[in-house]
Amino acid sequence: MATVCIVYGSETGNTKRAAEIVAAGLLERGHGARLVNAAEAGPEVFVEPCDALLFGVSTWGAVEEEVCQDFLAFYDELGKADLKGRRAAVFGCGDSGYDRFCKAVDFVEQRVQARGATLLQESLKIDRHPKDSPGLVEGWTGELAKRL
């Protein structure tokens, strides 16, 4: 089965919880998963021997290219990474009360593709906490597991 590295940034804990649900779902389906806090990750993550890179990011505010503070330095590194030949997926939490709901997910997705990675599936956008959308993260993870 596949091994996956899940890099997440989470200031309130919502995206961290989503990352944990994704990891647990992949493990239940026989895949390996390793969680990495983006605040502690460096460029070594991009060359890590894994079958897919997953990026979890939360959206803060509603301006420009704004990702959560915990993901910001990693986001800059992502802009320099060579991801040619890598497979990836993106998920994240946001607040649907903002016009730019989960825009950080879109920014990370665009950056991942621009750096050469192939997206495994459509990105997941979670309104606030994963528990507020029962089954959403689990369903996305199930589809992802089939594509690994």
C-alpha atoms as a PDB file:
ATOM      1  CA  MET A   1       0.000   0.000   0.000  1.00  0.00           C
ATOM      2  CA  ALA A   2       0.927   3.659  -0.330  1.00  0.00           C
ATOM      3  CA  THR A   3       2.648   5.932   2.158  1.00  0.00           C
ATOM      4  CA  VAL A   4       1.519   9.521   2.553  1.00  0.00           C
ATOM      5  CA  CYS A   5       3.085  12.557   4.207  1.00  0.00           C
ATOM      6  CA  ILE A   6       0.458  14.978   5.536  1.00  0.00           C
ATOM      7  CA  VAL A   7       1.782  18.496   6.156  1.00  0.00           C
ATOM      8  CA  TYR A   8      -0.710  20.739   7.960  1.00  0.00           C
ATOM      9  CA  GLY A   9      -0.876  24.210   9.447  1.00  0.00           C
ATOM     10  CA  SER A  10      -3.485  24.870  12.100  1.00  0.00           C
ATOM     11  CA  GLU A  11      -3.796  27.781  14.482  1.00  0.00           C
ATOM     12  CA  THR A  12      -7.163  26.873  16.009  1.00  0.00           C
ATOM     13  CA  GLY A  13      -6.827  23.087  15.761  1.00  0.00           C
ATOM     14  CA  ASN A  14      -9.492  22.572  13.074  1.00  0.00           C
ATOM     15  CA  THR A  15      -7.102  21.700  10.260  1.00  0.00           C
ATOM     16  CA  LYS A  16      -4.984  19.594  12.615  1.00  0.00           C
ATOM     17  CA  ARG A  17      -8.094  17.592  13.485  1.00  0.00           C
ATOM     18  CA  ALA A  18      -8.906  17.206   9.782  1.00  0.00           C
ATOM     19  CA  ALA A  19      -5.337  15.960   9.168  1.00  0.00           C
ATOM     20  CA  GLU A  20      -5.747  13.423  11.981  1.00  0.00           C
ATOM     21  CA  ILE A  21      -9.024  12.182  10.475  1.00  0.00           C
ATOM     22  CA  VAL A  22      -7.385  11.851   7.040  1.00  0.00           C
ATOM     23  CA  ALA A  23      -4.428   9.959   8.536  1.00  0.00           C
ATOM     24  CA  ALA A  24      -6.697   7.611  10.497  1.00  0.00           C
ATOM     25  CA  GLY A  25      -8.841   6.953   7.425  1.00  0.00           C
ATOM     26  CA  LEU A  26      -5.806   6.114   5.321  1.00  0.00           C
ATOM     27  CA  LEU A  27      -4.424   3.820   8.024  1.00  0.00           C
ATOM     28  CA  GLU A  28      -7.783   2.024   8.249  1.00  0.00           C
ATOM     29  CA  ARG A  29      -7.532   1.370   4.518  1.00  0.00           C
ATOM     30  CA  GLY A  30      -4.045  -0.108   4.783  1.00  0.00           C
ATOM     31  CA  HIS A  31      -1.989   2.918   3.765  1.00  0.00           C
ATOM     32  CA  GLY A  32       0.785   4.526   5.798  1.00  0.00           C
ATOM     33  CA  ALA A  33       0.427   8.130   6.937  1.00  0.00           C
ATOM     34  CA  ARG A  34       2.776  10.511   8.708  1.00  0.00           C
ATOM     35  CA  LEU A  35       1.624  13.844  10.144  1.00  0.00           C
ATOM     36  CA  VAL A  36       3.971  16.833   9.978  1.00  0.00           C
ATOM     37  CA  ASN A  37       3.236  20.231  11.502  1.00  0.00           C
ATOM     38  CA  ALA A  38       4.061  22.812   8.821  1.00  0.00           C
ATOM     39  CA  ALA A  39       5.522  25.114  11.489  1.00  0.00           C
ATOM     40  CA  GLU A  40       8.204  22.461  12.085  1.00  0.00           C
ATOM     41  CA  ALA A  41       8.684  21.332   8.466  1.00  0.00           C
ATOM     42  CA  GLY A  42      11.369  22.353   6.040  1.00  0.00           C
ATOM     43  CA  PRO A  43      12.290  21.623   2.442  1.00  0.00           C
ATOM     44  CA  GLU A  44      13.258  18.045   3.318  1.00  0.00           C
ATOM     45  CA  VAL A  45       9.555  17.190   3.211  1.00  0.00           C
ATOM     46  CA  PHE A  46       9.519  17.661  -0.562  1.00  0.00           C
ATOM     47  CA  VAL A  47      12.044  14.894  -1.142  1.00  0.00           C
ATOM     48  CA  GLU A  48      10.688  12.550   1.501  1.00  0.00           C
ATOM     49  CA  PRO A  49      10.191   9.027   0.173  1.00  0.00           C
ATOM     50  CA  CYS A  50       6.407   8.797   0.073  1.00  0.00           C
ATOM     51  CA  ASP A  51       3.789   8.074  -2.559  1.00  0.00           C
ATOM     52  CA  ALA A  52       1.853  11.303  -2.039  1.00  0.00           C
ATOM     53  CA  LEU A  53       2.103  14.641  -0.279  1.00  0.00           C
ATOM     54  CA  LEU A  54      -1.043  16.029   1.338  1.00  0.00           C
ATOM     55  CA  PHE A  55      -1.243  19.656   2.404  1.00  0.00           C
ATOM     56  CA  GLY A  56      -3.715  20.912   5.005  1.00  0.00           C
ATOM     57  CA  VAL A  57      -4.097  24.659   5.418  1.00  0.00           C
ATOM     58  CA  SER A  58      -6.564  27.014   7.038  1.00  0.00           C
ATOM     59  CA  THR A  59      -7.708  30.327   5.675  1.00  0.00           C
ATOM     60  CA  TRP A  60      -7.464  33.412   7.844  1.00  0.00           C
ATOM     61  CA  GLY A  61      -9.106  36.627   6.831  1.00  0.00           C
ATOM     62  CA  ALA A  62     -10.307  37.415   3.361  1.00  0.00           C
ATOM     63  CA  VAL A  63      -7.415  39.201   1.729  1.00  0.00           C
ATOM     64  CA  GLU A  64      -4.899  38.295  -0.946  1.00  0.00           C
ATOM     65  CA  GLU A  65      -2.891  35.095  -0.579  1.00  0.00           C
ATOM     66  CA  GLU A  66      -3.457  34.589   3.094  1.00  0.00           C
ATOM     67  CA  VAL A  67      -2.687  31.259   4.695  1.00  0.00           C
ATOM     68  CA  CYS A  68      -2.605  30.621   8.424  1.00  0.00           C
ATOM     69  CA  GLN A  69       0.513  31.821  10.224  1.00  0.00           C
ATOM     70  CA  ASP A  70       1.559  28.248  11.058  1.00  0.00           C
ATOM     71  CA  PHE A  71       1.722  27.431   7.330  1.00  0.00           C
ATOM     72  CA  LEU A  72       3.286  30.671   6.081  1.00  0.00           C
ATOM     73  CA  ALA A  73       7.013  29.773   6.142  1.00  0.00           C
ATOM     74  CA  PHE A  74       6.263  26.373   4.650  1.00  0.00           C
ATOM     75  CA  TYR A  75       4.133  28.047   1.962  1.00  0.00           C
ATOM     76  CA  ASP A  76       7.166  30.127   0.982  1.00  0.00           C
ATOM     77  CA  GLU A  77       9.305  26.961   0.764  1.00  0.00           C
ATOM     78  CA  LEU A  78       6.579  25.354  -1.326  1.00  0.00           C
ATOM     79  CA  GLY A  79       7.062  28.137  -3.865  1.00  0.00           C
ATOM     80  CA  LYS A  80      10.658  26.961  -4.431  1.00  0.00           C
ATOM     81  CA  ALA A  81      10.092  23.202  -4.330  1.00  0.00           C
ATOM     82  CA  ASP A  82      10.554  20.879  -7.282  1.00  0.00           C
ATOM     83  CA  LEU A  83       7.467  18.679  -7.200  1.00  0.00           C
ATOM     84  CA  LYS A  84       7.755  17.237 -10.705  1.00  0.00           C
ATOM     85  CA  GLY A  85       6.597  13.646 -10.660  1.00  0.00           C
ATOM     86  CA  ARG A  86       5.021  13.966  -7.197  1.00  0.00           C
ATOM     87  CA  ARG A  87       1.372  13.336  -6.459  1.00  0.00           C
ATOM     88  CA  ALA A  88      -0.487  15.608  -4.068  1.00  0.00           C
ATOM     89  CA  ALA A  89      -3.830  16.630  -2.600  1.00  0.00           C
ATOM     90  CA  VAL A  90      -4.949  19.670  -0.611  1.00  0.00           C
ATOM     91  CA  PHE A  91      -7.534  20.150   2.123  1.00  0.00           C
ATOM     92  CA  GLY A  92      -8.319  22.847   4.614  1.00  0.00           C
ATOM     93  CA  CYS A  93     -10.693  24.607   6.936  1.00  0.00           C
ATOM     94  CA  GLY A  94     -12.248  28.028   6.635  1.00  0.00           C
ATOM     95  CA  ASP A  95     -15.347  30.001   7.504  1.00  0.00           C
ATOM     96  CA  SER A  96     -18.108  30.121   4.894  1.00  0.00           C
ATOM     97  CA  GLY A  97     -19.150  33.472   6.358  1.00  0.00           C
ATOM     98  CA  TYR A  98     -16.311  35.039   4.350  1.00  0.00           C
ATOM     99  CA  ASP A  99     -16.523  35.742   0.621  1.00  0.00           C
ATOM    100  CA  ARG A 100     -13.175  34.019   0.118  1.00  0.00           C
ATOM    101  CA  PHE A 101     -14.114  30.747   1.814  1.00  0.00           C
ATOM    102  CA  CYS A 102     -11.077  28.448   2.063  1.00  0.00           C
ATOM    103  CA  LYS A 103      -9.054  30.511  -0.420  1.00  0.00           C
ATOM    104  CA  ALA A 104      -5.818  29.277   1.149  1.00  0.00           C
ATOM    105  CA  VAL A 105      -6.725  25.827  -0.171  1.00  0.00           C
ATOM    106  CA  ASP A 106      -6.923  27.304  -3.668  1.00  0.00           C
ATOM    107  CA  PHE A 107      -3.591  29.135  -3.232  1.00  0.00           C
ATOM    108  CA  VAL A 108      -1.798  25.986  -2.052  1.00  0.00           C
ATOM    109  CA  GLU A 109      -3.398  23.919  -4.816  1.00  0.00           C
ATOM    110  CA  GLN A 110      -2.232  26.420  -7.450  1.00  0.00           C
ATOM    111  CA  ARG A 111       1.272  26.529  -6.010  1.00  0.00           C
ATOM    112  CA  VAL A 112       1.531  22.724  -5.851  1.00  0.00           C
ATOM    113  CA  GLN A 113       0.501  22.447  -9.500  1.00  0.00           C
ATOM    114  CA  ALA A 114       2.811  25.292 -10.552  1.00  0.00           C
ATOM    115  CA  ARG A 115       5.716  23.443  -8.938  1.00  0.00           C
ATOM    116  CA  GLY A 116       4.949  20.353 -11.049  1.00  0.00           C
ATOM    117  CA  ALA A 117       2.880  18.037  -8.854  1.00  0.00           C
ATOM    118  CA  THR A 118      -0.148  16.147 -10.123  1.00  0.00           C
ATOM    119  CA  LEU A 119      -3.286  16.551  -8.036  1.00  0.00           C
ATOM    120  CA  LEU A 120      -4.875  13.252  -7.078  1.00  0.00           C
ATOM    121  CA  GLN A 121      -8.366  14.690  -6.687  1.00  0.00           C
ATOM    122  CA  GLU A 122     -10.374  17.841  -6.107  1.00  0.00           C
ATOM    123  CA  SER A 123      -9.375  19.703  -2.973  1.00  0.00           C
ATOM    124  CA  LEU A 124     -11.467  19.476   0.178  1.00  0.00           C
ATOM    125  CA  LYS A 125     -12.871  22.638   1.786  1.00  0.00           C
ATOM    126  CA  ILE A 126     -14.251  22.248   5.289  1.00  0.00           C
ATOM    127  CA  ASP A 127     -16.507  24.835   6.895  1.00  0.00           C
ATOM    128  CA  ARG A 128     -15.023  25.543  10.340  1.00  0.00           C
ATOM    129  CA  HIS A 129     -14.422  22.304  12.286  1.00  0.00           C
ATOM    130  CA  PRO A 130     -14.547  18.840  10.660  1.00  0.00           C
ATOM    131  CA  LYS A 131     -17.132  17.711  13.221  1.00  0.00           C
ATOM    132  CA  ASP A 132     -19.532  20.291  11.759  1.00  0.00           C
ATOM    133  CA  SER A 133     -19.563  18.380   8.465  1.00  0.00           C
ATOM    134  CA  PRO A 134     -20.027  14.733   9.430  1.00  0.00           C
ATOM    135  CA  GLY A 135     -18.703  12.351   6.828  1.00  0.00           C
ATOM    136  CA  LEU A 136     -17.182  15.043   4.600  1.00  0.00           C
ATOM    137  CA  VAL A 137     -13.542  14.382   5.523  1.00  0.00           C
ATOM    138  CA  GLU A 138     -14.077  10.634   5.724  1.00  0.00           C
ATOM    139  CA  GLY A 139     -15.670  10.555   2.260  1.00  0.00           C
ATOM    140  CA  TRP A 140     -12.856  12.609   0.734  1.00  0.00           C
ATOM    141  CA  THR A 141     -10.293  10.349   2.399  1.00  0.00           C
ATOM    142  CA  GLY A 142     -12.034   7.231   1.084  1.00  0.00           C
ATOM    143  CA  GLU A 143     -11.847   8.537  -2.476  1.00  0.00           C
ATOM    144  CA  LEU A 144      -8.210   9.528  -1.978  1.00  0.00           C
ATOM    145  CA  ALA A 145      -7.330   6.068  -0.682  1.00  0.00           C
ATOM    146  CA  LYS A 146      -8.652   4.526  -3.908  1.00  0.00           C
ATOM    147  CA  ARG A 147      -6.363   6.769  -5.982  1.00  0.00           C
ATOM    148  CA  LEU A 148      -3.138   6.059  -4.105  1.00  0.00           C
END
